[in-house]
C-alpha atoms as a PDB file:
ATOM      1  CA  ASP A   1    -184.844 -13.074  62.379  1.00  0.00           C
ATOM      2  CA  GLU A   2    -182.880 -11.983  59.394  1.00  0.00           C
ATOM      3  CA  GLU A   3    -180.774  -9.773  61.788  1.00  0.00           C
ATOM      4  CA  HIS A   4    -179.772 -12.624  64.161  1.00  0.00           C
ATOM      5  CA  MET A   5    -178.846 -15.177  61.099  1.00  0.00           C
ATOM      6  CA  LYS A   6    -176.768 -12.238  59.811  1.00  0.00           C
ATOM      7  CA  PHE A   7    -174.876 -12.143  63.247  1.00  0.00           C
ATOM      8  CA  TRP A   8    -174.537 -15.978  63.413  1.00  0.00           C
ATOM      9  CA  MET A   9    -173.033 -16.001  59.942  1.00  0.00           C
ATOM     10  CA  ASN A  10    -170.410 -13.351  60.491  1.00  0.00           C
ATOM     11  CA  ALA A  11    -169.344 -15.002  63.665  1.00  0.00           C
ATOM     12  CA  LEU A  12    -168.982 -18.438  62.077  1.00  0.00           C
ATOM     13  CA  GLU A  13    -167.290 -16.720  59.301  1.00  0.00           C
ATOM     14  CA  ASP A  14    -164.778 -15.130  61.635  1.00  0.00           C
ATOM     15  CA  LEU A  15    -164.330 -18.497  63.536  1.00  0.00           C
ATOM     16  CA  VAL A  16    -163.467 -20.151  60.201  1.00  0.00           C
ATOM     17  CA  LEU A  17    -161.148 -17.533  58.911  1.00  0.00           C
ATOM     18  CA  GLN A  18    -159.116 -17.794  62.506  1.00  0.00           C
ATOM     19  CA  GLN A  19    -158.979 -21.567  62.262  1.00  0.00           C
ATOM     20  CA  LEU A  20    -157.746 -21.067  58.479  1.00  0.00           C
ATOM     21  CA  GLU A  21    -155.028 -18.560  59.810  1.00  0.00           C
ATOM     22  CA  ARG A  22    -154.079 -21.110  62.604  1.00  0.00           C
ATOM     23  CA  GLU A  23    -153.631 -24.037  60.221  1.00  0.00           C
ATOM     24  CA  LYS A  24    -151.436 -21.582  58.143  1.00  0.00           C
ATOM     25  CA  ASP A  25    -149.600 -21.018  61.281  1.00  0.00           C
ATOM     26  CA  LEU A  26    -148.754 -24.599  61.976  1.00  0.00           C
ATOM     27  CA  LEU A  27    -147.954 -25.442  58.072  1.00  0.00           C
ATOM     28  CA  ILE A  28    -144.870 -23.053  58.029  1.00  0.00           C
ATOM     29  CA  ASN A  29    -141.682 -25.032  59.222  1.00  0.00           C
ATOM     30  CA  ALA A  30    -139.344 -22.110  60.306  1.00  0.00           C
ATOM     31  CA  PRO A  31    -139.871 -20.869  63.967  1.00  0.00           C
ATOM     32  CA  GLY A  32    -139.225 -17.254  62.684  1.00  0.00           C
ATOM     33  CA  GLU A  33    -141.529 -17.212  60.129  1.00  0.00           C
ATOM     34  CA  ARG A  34    -144.369 -18.561  62.499  1.00  0.00           C
ATOM     35  CA  PHE A  35    -143.360 -15.927  65.055  1.00  0.00           C
ATOM     36  CA  GLU A  36    -143.262 -13.051  62.256  1.00  0.00           C
ATOM     37  CA  ARG A  37    -146.816 -14.145  60.891  1.00  0.00           C
ATOM     38  CA  VAL A  38    -148.342 -13.961  64.501  1.00  0.00           C
ATOM     39  CA  LEU A  39    -146.693 -10.858  65.188  1.00  0.00           C
ATOM     40  CA  LYS A  40    -147.764  -8.922  62.472  1.00  0.00           C
ATOM     41  CA  ARG A  41    -150.840 -10.534  62.577  1.00  0.00           C
ATOM     42  CA  SER A  42    -151.521 -10.083  66.214  1.00  0.00           C
ATOM     43  CA  PRO A  43    -148.920  -7.801  67.817  1.00  0.00           C
ATOM     44  CA  LYS A  44    -151.016  -6.915  71.076  1.00  0.00           C
ATOM     45  CA  LEU A  45    -150.946 -10.722  72.104  1.00  0.00           C
ATOM     46  CA  PHE A  46    -147.465 -10.344  72.778  1.00  0.00           C
ATOM     47  CA  GLN A  47    -147.980  -8.125  75.438  1.00  0.00           C
ATOM     48  CA  GLU A  48    -151.006  -9.746  77.118  1.00  0.00           C
ATOM     49  CA  VAL A  49    -150.281 -13.482  77.022  1.00  0.00           C
ATOM     50  CA  PRO A  50    -147.449 -14.925  78.821  1.00  0.00           C
ATOM     51  CA  ASN A  51    -144.368 -16.392  76.439  1.00  0.00           C
ATOM     52  CA  LYS A  52    -144.720 -19.728  77.345  1.00  0.00           C
ATOM     53  CA  TYR A  53    -148.279 -20.150  76.139  1.00  0.00           C
ATOM     54  CA  ILE A  54    -147.326 -17.911  73.049  1.00  0.00           C
ATOM     55  CA  ALA A  55    -144.075 -20.345  72.317  1.00  0.00           C
ATOM     56  CA  ASN A  56    -146.904 -23.662  72.548  1.00  0.00           C
ATOM     57  CA  TYR A  57    -149.092 -22.055  70.229  1.00  0.00           C
ATOM     58  CA  LEU A  58    -146.151 -21.382  67.555  1.00  0.00           C
ATOM     59  CA  ARG A  59    -144.779 -24.804  68.387  1.00  0.00           C
ATOM     60  CA  MET A  60    -141.452 -23.977  69.856  1.00  0.00           C
ATOM     61  CA  SER A  61    -139.613 -23.626  73.111  1.00  0.00           C
ATOM     62  CA  PRO A  62    -139.811 -20.383  75.318  1.00  0.00           C
ATOM     63  CA  GLU A  63    -136.256 -19.913  74.983  1.00  0.00           C
ATOM     64  CA  THR A  64    -136.691 -19.952  71.281  1.00  0.00           C
ATOM     65  CA  LEU A  65    -139.365 -17.471  71.517  1.00  0.00           C
ATOM     66  CA  SER A  66    -137.399 -15.009  73.696  1.00  0.00           C
ATOM     67  CA  ARG A  67    -134.512 -15.227  71.300  1.00  0.00           C
ATOM     68  CA  LEU A  68    -136.757 -14.417  68.205  1.00  0.00           C
ATOM     69  CA  LYS A  69    -138.586 -11.301  70.158  1.00  0.00           C
ATOM     70  CA  LYS A  70    -134.854 -10.195  70.797  1.00  0.00           C
ATOM     71  CA  SER A  71    -133.447 -10.371  67.444  1.00  0.00           C
END
């Protein structure tokens, strides 16, 4: 029915927007800029996900992420 269609269209739209943000994150060359973008968009992520996974997502070493978090 129409309600289910709206639900799935909204879910699909959210997934596409998340993918676009991820692609933007990967196109930024400077590690500090990638860090700032993700921090601004998802600050809670840094409290819930281990640094090694965030660093991997941001294409940087855990040590670089640690330095950026301290500065």
